[in-house]
PDB file of N, CA and C in Angstrom:
ATOM      1  N   MET A   1      62.421 -12.027   9.585  1.00  0.00           N
ATOM      2  CA  MET A   1      62.368 -11.721   8.761  1.00  0.00           C
ATOM      3  C   MET A   1      63.251 -10.219   8.806  1.00  0.00           C
ATOM      4  N   SER A   2      63.826  -9.833   7.713  1.00  0.00           N
ATOM      5  CA  SER A   2      64.860  -8.894   7.967  1.00  0.00           C
ATOM      6  C   SER A   2      65.028  -7.884   6.787  1.00  0.00           C
ATOM      7  N   ALA A   3      65.221  -6.524   6.558  1.00  0.00           N
ATOM      8  CA  ALA A   3      65.446  -5.817   5.569  1.00  0.00           C
ATOM      9  C   ALA A   3      65.830  -4.299   5.761  1.00  0.00           C
ATOM     10  N   PRO A   4      66.756  -3.827   5.216  1.00  0.00           N
ATOM     11  CA  PRO A   4      67.137  -2.409   5.220  1.00  0.00           C
ATOM     12  C   PRO A   4      65.858  -1.241   5.288  1.00  0.00           C
ATOM     13  N   ILE A   5      65.819  -0.336   5.942  1.00  0.00           N
ATOM     14  CA  ILE A   5      65.018   0.590   5.787  1.00  0.00           C
ATOM     15  C   ILE A   5      65.524   1.562   5.229  1.00  0.00           C
ATOM     16  N   PRO A   6      65.546   1.952   3.810  1.00  0.00           N
ATOM     17  CA  PRO A   6      66.215   3.189   3.419  1.00  0.00           C
ATOM     18  C   PRO A   6      65.620   4.596   3.520  1.00  0.00           C
ATOM     19  N   SER A   7      64.622   4.571   4.237  1.00  0.00           N
ATOM     20  CA  SER A   7      63.808   5.855   4.449  1.00  0.00           C
ATOM     21  C   SER A   7      62.543   5.558   5.318  1.00  0.00           C
ATOM     22  N   GLY A   8      62.341   6.727   6.493  1.00  0.00           N
ATOM     23  CA  GLY A   8      61.468   6.435   7.471  1.00  0.00           C
ATOM     24  C   GLY A   8      61.475   7.768   8.345  1.00  0.00           C
ATOM     25  N   THR A   9      60.462   8.256   8.920  1.00  0.00           N
ATOM     26  CA  THR A   9      60.467   9.141   9.960  1.00  0.00           C
ATOM     27  C   THR A   9      59.712   8.813  11.073  1.00  0.00           C
ATOM     28  N   ALA A  10      59.681   9.489  12.152  1.00  0.00           N
ATOM     29  CA  ALA A  10      59.321   9.353  13.203  1.00  0.00           C
ATOM     30  C   ALA A  10      58.829  10.866  14.031  1.00  0.00           C
ATOM     31  N   ASP A  11      57.617  10.918  14.072  1.00  0.00           N
ATOM     32  CA  ASP A  11      57.101  12.035  14.628  1.00  0.00           C
ATOM     33  C   ASP A  11      57.087  11.990  16.202  1.00  0.00           C
ATOM     34  N   THR A  12      57.533  12.813  16.858  1.00  0.00           N
ATOM     35  CA  THR A  12      57.036  12.619  18.402  1.00  0.00           C
ATOM     36  C   THR A  12      56.199  13.777  18.994  1.00  0.00           C
ATOM     37  N   GLY A  13      55.735  14.742  18.201  1.00  0.00           N
ATOM     38  CA  GLY A  13      54.801  15.836  18.564  1.00  0.00           C
ATOM     39  C   GLY A  13      53.458  15.040  19.231  1.00  0.00           C
ATOM     40  N   SER A  14      52.730  16.014  19.336  1.00  0.00           N
ATOM     41  CA  SER A  14      51.193  16.004  19.949  1.00  0.00           C
ATOM     42  C   SER A  14      50.757  14.933  19.593  1.00  0.00           C
ATOM     43  N   HIS A  15      50.835  14.131  18.228  1.00  0.00           N
ATOM     44  CA  HIS A  15      50.322  12.946  17.701  1.00  0.00           C
ATOM     45  C   HIS A  15      51.405  12.071  17.379  1.00  0.00           C
ATOM     46  N   PRO A  16      52.114  11.247  18.084  1.00  0.00           N
ATOM     47  CA  PRO A  16      53.167  10.500  17.954  1.00  0.00           C
ATOM     48  C   PRO A  16      52.941   9.472  16.536  1.00  0.00           C
ATOM     49  N   ALA A  17      53.760   9.385  15.243  1.00  0.00           N
ATOM     50  CA  ALA A  17      53.479   8.591  14.463  1.00  0.00           C
ATOM     51  C   ALA A  17      54.872   7.987  13.803  1.00  0.00           C
ATOM     52  N   VAL A  18      54.838   6.966  13.100  1.00  0.00           N
ATOM     53  CA  VAL A  18      55.937   6.476  12.305  1.00  0.00           C
ATOM     54  C   VAL A  18      55.534   6.216  11.086  1.00  0.00           C
ATOM     55  N   GLU A  19      56.345   6.280  10.108  1.00  0.00           N
ATOM     56  CA  GLU A  19      56.501   6.020   8.786  1.00  0.00           C
ATOM     57  C   GLU A  19      57.685   5.417   8.213  1.00  0.00           C
ATOM     58  N   VAL A  20      57.399   4.045   7.692  1.00  0.00           N
ATOM     59  CA  VAL A  20      58.790   3.357   6.716  1.00  0.00           C
ATOM     60  C   VAL A  20      58.629   3.039   5.620  1.00  0.00           C
ATOM     61  N   ARG A  21      59.888   2.957   4.501  1.00  0.00           N
ATOM     62  CA  ARG A  21      59.216   2.087   3.245  1.00  0.00           C
ATOM     63  C   ARG A  21      60.788   1.252   3.191  1.00  0.00           C
ATOM     64  N   VAL A  22      60.197   0.211   2.640  1.00  0.00           N
ATOM     65  CA  VAL A  22      61.218  -1.094   2.461  1.00  0.00           C
ATOM     66  C   VAL A  22      61.101  -1.129   1.158  1.00  0.00           C
ATOM     67  N   ASP A  23      62.289  -1.779   0.564  1.00  0.00           N
ATOM     68  CA  ASP A  23      62.309  -2.481  -0.688  1.00  0.00           C
ATOM     69  C   ASP A  23      61.710  -3.528  -0.298  1.00  0.00           C
ATOM     70  N   ALA A  24      60.600  -4.475  -1.279  1.00  0.00           N
ATOM     71  CA  ALA A  24      60.574  -5.711  -0.893  1.00  0.00           C
ATOM     72  C   ALA A  24      61.441  -6.818  -1.240  1.00  0.00           C
ATOM     73  N   ARG A  25      62.211  -6.394  -2.569  1.00  0.00           N
ATOM     74  CA  ARG A  25      63.323  -7.238  -2.818  1.00  0.00           C
ATOM     75  C   ARG A  25      64.502  -7.165  -1.968  1.00  0.00           C
ATOM     76  N   ALA A  26      64.525  -6.950  -0.937  1.00  0.00           N
ATOM     77  CA  ALA A  26      65.513  -7.190  -0.009  1.00  0.00           C
ATOM     78  C   ALA A  26      65.057  -7.543   1.195  1.00  0.00           C
ATOM     79  N   LEU A  27      64.104  -8.234   1.088  1.00  0.00           N
ATOM     80  CA  LEU A  27      63.283  -8.611   2.466  1.00  0.00           C
ATOM     81  C   LEU A  27      64.132 -10.178   2.509  1.00  0.00           C
ATOM     82  N   ARG A  28      64.633 -10.447   3.555  1.00  0.00           N
ATOM     83  CA  ARG A  28      65.104 -11.965   3.943  1.00  0.00           C
ATOM     84  C   ARG A  28      64.771 -12.357   5.360  1.00  0.00           C
ATOM     85  N   VAL A  29      64.464 -13.741   5.129  1.00  0.00           N
ATOM     86  CA  VAL A  29      63.754 -14.575   6.029  1.00  0.00           C
ATOM     87  C   VAL A  29      65.063 -15.067   7.061  1.00  0.00           C
ATOM     88  N   ILE A  30      64.865 -14.962   8.154  1.00  0.00           N
ATOM     89  CA  ILE A  30      66.033 -15.188   9.056  1.00  0.00           C
ATOM     90  C   ILE A  30      65.148 -15.930   9.823  1.00  0.00           C
ATOM     91  N   GLY A  31      66.152 -16.598  10.885  1.00  0.00           N
ATOM     92  CA  GLY A  31      65.212 -17.504  11.664  1.00  0.00           C
ATOM     93  C   GLY A  31      66.636 -18.863  12.208  1.00  0.00           C
ATOM     94  N   LYS A  32      67.064 -18.598  13.467  1.00  0.00           N
ATOM     95  CA  LYS A  32      68.002 -19.334  13.880  1.00  0.00           C
ATOM     96  C   LYS A  32      68.150 -20.959  14.090  1.00  0.00           C
ATOM     97  N   ASP A  33      66.606 -20.949  14.193  1.00  0.00           N
ATOM     98  CA  ASP A  33      66.230 -22.615  14.259  1.00  0.00           C
ATOM     99  C   ASP A  33      65.748 -23.351  13.343  1.00  0.00           C
ATOM    100  N   GLU A  34      65.658 -22.674  12.317  1.00  0.00           N
ATOM    101  CA  GLU A  34      65.581 -23.461  10.606  1.00  0.00           C
ATOM    102  C   GLU A  34      66.888 -23.626   9.951  1.00  0.00           C
ATOM    103  N   PRO A  35      66.477 -24.263   9.249  1.00  0.00           N
ATOM    104  CA  PRO A  35      67.702 -24.918   8.105  1.00  0.00           C
ATOM    105  C   PRO A  35      67.907 -23.932   7.282  1.00  0.00           C
ATOM    106  N   GLU A  36      68.964 -23.743   6.806  1.00  0.00           N
ATOM    107  CA  GLU A  36      68.962 -22.530   5.750  1.00  0.00           C
ATOM    108  C   GLU A  36      68.345 -23.052   4.585  1.00  0.00           C
ATOM    109  N   ARG A  37      68.079 -24.417   4.288  1.00  0.00           N
ATOM    110  CA  ARG A  37      67.693 -24.711   3.031  1.00  0.00           C
ATOM    111  C   ARG A  37      65.964 -24.204   3.086  1.00  0.00           C
ATOM    112  N   ASP A  38      65.748 -24.452   4.333  1.00  0.00           N
ATOM    113  CA  ASP A  38      64.006 -24.326   4.588  1.00  0.00           C
ATOM    114  C   ASP A  38      63.805 -22.573   4.248  1.00  0.00           C
ATOM    115  N   ARG A  39      64.725 -21.973   4.933  1.00  0.00           N
ATOM    116  CA  ARG A  39      64.783 -20.576   5.045  1.00  0.00           C
ATOM    117  C   ARG A  39      64.504 -20.062   3.552  1.00  0.00           C
ATOM    118  N   ALA A  40      65.639 -20.553   2.720  1.00  0.00           N
ATOM    119  CA  ALA A  40      65.729 -20.259   1.387  1.00  0.00           C
ATOM    120  C   ALA A  40      64.471 -20.604   0.342  1.00  0.00           C
ATOM    121  N   GLU A  41      63.720 -21.760   0.921  1.00  0.00           N
ATOM    122  CA  GLU A  41      62.758 -21.934   0.140  1.00  0.00           C
ATOM    123  C   GLU A  41      61.402 -21.005   0.587  1.00  0.00           C
ATOM    124  N   VAL A  42      61.316 -20.724   1.554  1.00  0.00           N
ATOM    125  CA  VAL A  42      60.463 -19.838   2.217  1.00  0.00           C
ATOM    126  C   VAL A  42      60.474 -18.372   1.577  1.00  0.00           C
ATOM    127  N   GLU A  43      61.584 -17.798   1.570  1.00  0.00           N
ATOM    128  CA  GLU A  43      62.227 -16.675   1.129  1.00  0.00           C
ATOM    129  C   GLU A  43      61.758 -16.550  -0.450  1.00  0.00           C
ATOM    130  N   LYS A  44      61.942 -17.512  -0.873  1.00  0.00           N
ATOM    131  CA  LYS A  44      61.620 -17.438  -2.388  1.00  0.00           C
ATOM    132  C   LYS A  44      60.148 -17.321  -3.001  1.00  0.00           C
ATOM    133  N   ALA A  45      59.205 -18.139  -1.859  1.00  0.00           N
ATOM    134  CA  ALA A  45      57.789 -17.939  -2.099  1.00  0.00           C
ATOM    135  C   ALA A  45      57.534 -16.912  -1.592  1.00  0.00           C
ATOM    136  N   MET A  46      57.962 -16.400  -0.842  1.00  0.00           N
ATOM    137  CA  MET A  46      57.385 -15.079  -0.187  1.00  0.00           C
ATOM    138  C   MET A  46      57.756 -13.806  -1.104  1.00  0.00           C
ATOM    139  N   LEU A  47      58.891 -13.873  -1.843  1.00  0.00           N
ATOM    140  CA  LEU A  47      59.218 -12.716  -2.515  1.00  0.00           C
ATOM    141  C   LEU A  47      58.424 -13.160  -4.010  1.00  0.00           C
ATOM    142  N   GLY A  48      58.218 -14.345  -4.435  1.00  0.00           N
ATOM    143  CA  GLY A  48      57.478 -14.931  -5.542  1.00  0.00           C
ATOM    144  C   GLY A  48      56.224 -14.023  -5.716  1.00  0.00           C
ATOM    145  N   PRO A  49      55.815 -14.299  -7.199  1.00  0.00           N
ATOM    146  CA  PRO A  49      54.523 -13.828  -7.621  1.00  0.00           C
ATOM    147  C   PRO A  49      53.303 -14.479  -6.906  1.00  0.00           C
ATOM    148  N   GLU A  50      53.652 -15.506  -6.161  1.00  0.00           N
ATOM    149  CA  GLU A  50      52.364 -16.000  -5.636  1.00  0.00           C
ATOM    150  C   GLU A  50      51.776 -15.315  -4.201  1.00  0.00           C
ATOM    151  N   VAL A  51      53.032 -14.675  -3.648  1.00  0.00           N
ATOM    152  CA  VAL A  51      53.025 -13.865  -2.322  1.00  0.00           C
ATOM    153  C   VAL A  51      53.193 -12.363  -2.647  1.00  0.00           C
ATOM    154  N   LEU A  52      54.317 -11.931  -2.160  1.00  0.00           N
ATOM    155  CA  LEU A  52      54.333 -10.694  -2.468  1.00  0.00           C
ATOM    156  C   LEU A  52      54.851  -9.808  -4.035  1.00  0.00           C
ATOM    157  N   ASP A  53      54.918 -10.437  -4.639  1.00  0.00           N
ATOM    158  CA  ASP A  53      55.097 -10.516  -6.163  1.00  0.00           C
ATOM    159  C   ASP A  53      56.366  -8.917  -5.993  1.00  0.00           C
ATOM    160  N   SER A  54      57.319  -9.352  -5.190  1.00  0.00           N
ATOM    161  CA  SER A  54      58.349  -8.154  -5.147  1.00  0.00           C
ATOM    162  C   SER A  54      58.742  -7.521  -6.556  1.00  0.00           C
ATOM    163  N   GLU A  55      59.169  -8.124  -7.639  1.00  0.00           N
ATOM    164  CA  GLU A  55      59.612  -7.566  -8.506  1.00  0.00           C
ATOM    165  C   GLU A  55      58.490  -6.451  -9.402  1.00  0.00           C
ATOM    166  N   ARG A  56      57.329  -7.025  -8.911  1.00  0.00           N
ATOM    167  CA  ARG A  56      56.181  -5.945  -9.634  1.00  0.00           C
ATOM    168  C   ARG A  56      55.946  -4.843  -8.668  1.00  0.00           C
ATOM    169  N   HIS A  57      55.886  -5.341  -7.500  1.00  0.00           N
ATOM    170  CA  HIS A  57      55.594  -4.417  -6.567  1.00  0.00           C
ATOM    171  C   HIS A  57      57.036  -4.168  -5.306  1.00  0.00           C
ATOM    172  N   GLN A  58      57.618  -3.517  -5.463  1.00  0.00           N
ATOM    173  CA  GLN A  58      58.852  -3.468  -5.101  1.00  0.00           C
ATOM    174  C   GLN A  58      58.845  -2.793  -3.898  1.00  0.00           C
ATOM    175  N   GLU A  59      58.012  -1.838  -3.420  1.00  0.00           N
ATOM    176  CA  GLU A  59      58.078  -0.854  -2.004  1.00  0.00           C
ATOM    177  C   GLU A  59      56.970  -1.340  -1.287  1.00  0.00           C
ATOM    178  N   ILE A  60      57.535  -1.600  -0.002  1.00  0.00           N
ATOM    179  CA  ILE A  60      56.409  -1.770   1.232  1.00  0.00           C
ATOM    180  C   ILE A  60      56.609  -0.689   1.925  1.00  0.00           C
ATOM    181  N   GLY A  61      55.112   0.087   2.194  1.00  0.00           N
ATOM    182  CA  GLY A  61      55.234   1.471   2.844  1.00  0.00           C
ATOM    183  C   GLY A  61      54.370   1.068   3.974  1.00  0.00           C
ATOM    184  N   PHE A  62      54.586   1.225   5.305  1.00  0.00           N
ATOM    185  CA  PHE A  62      53.932   1.520   6.297  1.00  0.00           C
ATOM    186  C   PHE A  62      53.732   2.817   7.229  1.00  0.00           C
ATOM    187  N   LYS A  63      52.509   3.423   7.472  1.00  0.00           N
ATOM    188  CA  LYS A  63      52.234   4.591   8.025  1.00  0.00           C
ATOM    189  C   LYS A  63      51.466   4.357   9.275  1.00  0.00           C
ATOM    190  N   SER A  64      51.681   4.810  10.603  1.00  0.00           N
ATOM    191  CA  SER A  64      50.818   4.334  11.616  1.00  0.00           C
ATOM    192  C   SER A  64      50.101   5.476  11.539  1.00  0.00           C
ATOM    193  N   THR A  65      48.869   4.978  12.356  1.00  0.00           N
ATOM    194  CA  THR A  65      47.942   6.011  13.182  1.00  0.00           C
ATOM    195  C   THR A  65      48.150   6.805  14.512  1.00  0.00           C
ATOM    196  N   GLY A  66      49.325   6.081  15.156  1.00  0.00           N
ATOM    197  CA  GLY A  66      49.518   6.655  16.225  1.00  0.00           C
ATOM    198  C   GLY A  66      50.691   5.745  17.044  1.00  0.00           C
ATOM    199  N   ALA A  67      51.509   6.363  17.944  1.00  0.00           N
ATOM    200  CA  ALA A  67      52.648   5.526  18.124  1.00  0.00           C
ATOM    201  C   ALA A  67      52.738   5.732  19.805  1.00  0.00           C
ATOM    202  N   GLU A  68      53.512   5.070  20.606  1.00  0.00           N
ATOM    203  CA  GLU A  68      53.839   5.034  21.863  1.00  0.00           C
ATOM    204  C   GLU A  68      55.133   4.762  22.141  1.00  0.00           C
ATOM    205  N   SER A  69      55.913   5.513  22.842  1.00  0.00           N
ATOM    206  CA  SER A  69      57.149   5.446  23.189  1.00  0.00           C
ATOM    207  C   SER A  69      57.344   4.048  24.092  1.00  0.00           C
ATOM    208  N   ALA A  70      58.200   2.932  23.881  1.00  0.00           N
ATOM    209  CA  ALA A  70      58.771   2.055  24.729  1.00  0.00           C
ATOM    210  C   ALA A  70      59.855   2.095  25.239  1.00  0.00           C
ATOM    211  N   GLY A  71      60.439   3.350  25.493  1.00  0.00           N
ATOM    212  CA  GLY A  71      61.572   3.791  26.461  1.00  0.00           C
ATOM    213  C   GLY A  71      62.739   3.945  25.492  1.00  0.00           C
ATOM    214  N   ALA A  72      63.662   4.689  25.876  1.00  0.00           N
ATOM    215  CA  ALA A  72      64.988   4.585  25.171  1.00  0.00           C
ATOM    216  C   ALA A  72      65.666   3.162  25.255  1.00  0.00           C
ATOM    217  N   GLY A  73      66.194   3.092  24.021  1.00  0.00           N
ATOM    218  CA  GLY A  73      66.664   2.113  23.603  1.00  0.00           C
ATOM    219  C   GLY A  73      65.732   0.781  23.551  1.00  0.00           C
ATOM    220  N   CYS A  74      64.711   0.979  23.206  1.00  0.00           N
ATOM    221  CA  CYS A  74      63.499  -0.119  22.804  1.00  0.00           C
ATOM    222  C   CYS A  74      64.192  -0.933  21.714  1.00  0.00           C
ATOM    223  N   CYS A  75      64.651  -0.151  20.677  1.00  0.00           N
ATOM    224  CA  CYS A  75      64.663  -1.159  19.809  1.00  0.00           C
ATOM    225  C   CYS A  75      66.088  -1.337  18.842  1.00  0.00           C
ATOM    226  N   ALA A  76      66.995  -1.234  19.623  1.00  0.00           N
ATOM    227  CA  ALA A  76      68.388  -1.624  19.367  1.00  0.00           C
ATOM    228  C   ALA A  76      68.626  -2.929  18.677  1.00  0.00           C
ATOM    229  N   GLY A  77      69.102  -3.035  17.650  1.00  0.00           N
ATOM    230  CA  GLY A  77      69.206  -4.545  16.651  1.00  0.00           C
ATOM    231  C   GLY A  77      68.231  -4.507  15.949  1.00  0.00           C
ATOM    232  N   ILE A  78      67.061  -3.698  15.806  1.00  0.00           N
ATOM    233  CA  ILE A  78      66.117  -4.395  14.820  1.00  0.00           C
ATOM    234  C   ILE A  78      66.258  -3.680  13.410  1.00  0.00           C
TER     235      ILE A  78
END
């Protein structure tokens, strides 16, 4: 799955944590081994009213309760 992250923070102080917000309507299914038709069907179901209902619930927020560094450059390309 892929989506732009329009806002987020990373606290590297004494209690490391991260917080991100994603526009649920911008989520896209990615997968090199799956046919485009299958990805499109999964994406439609995922965004629709049976799963995420992204038109009604347009934002997904995540706030960690803690975080650990995986080293410099750990997340390039994500």
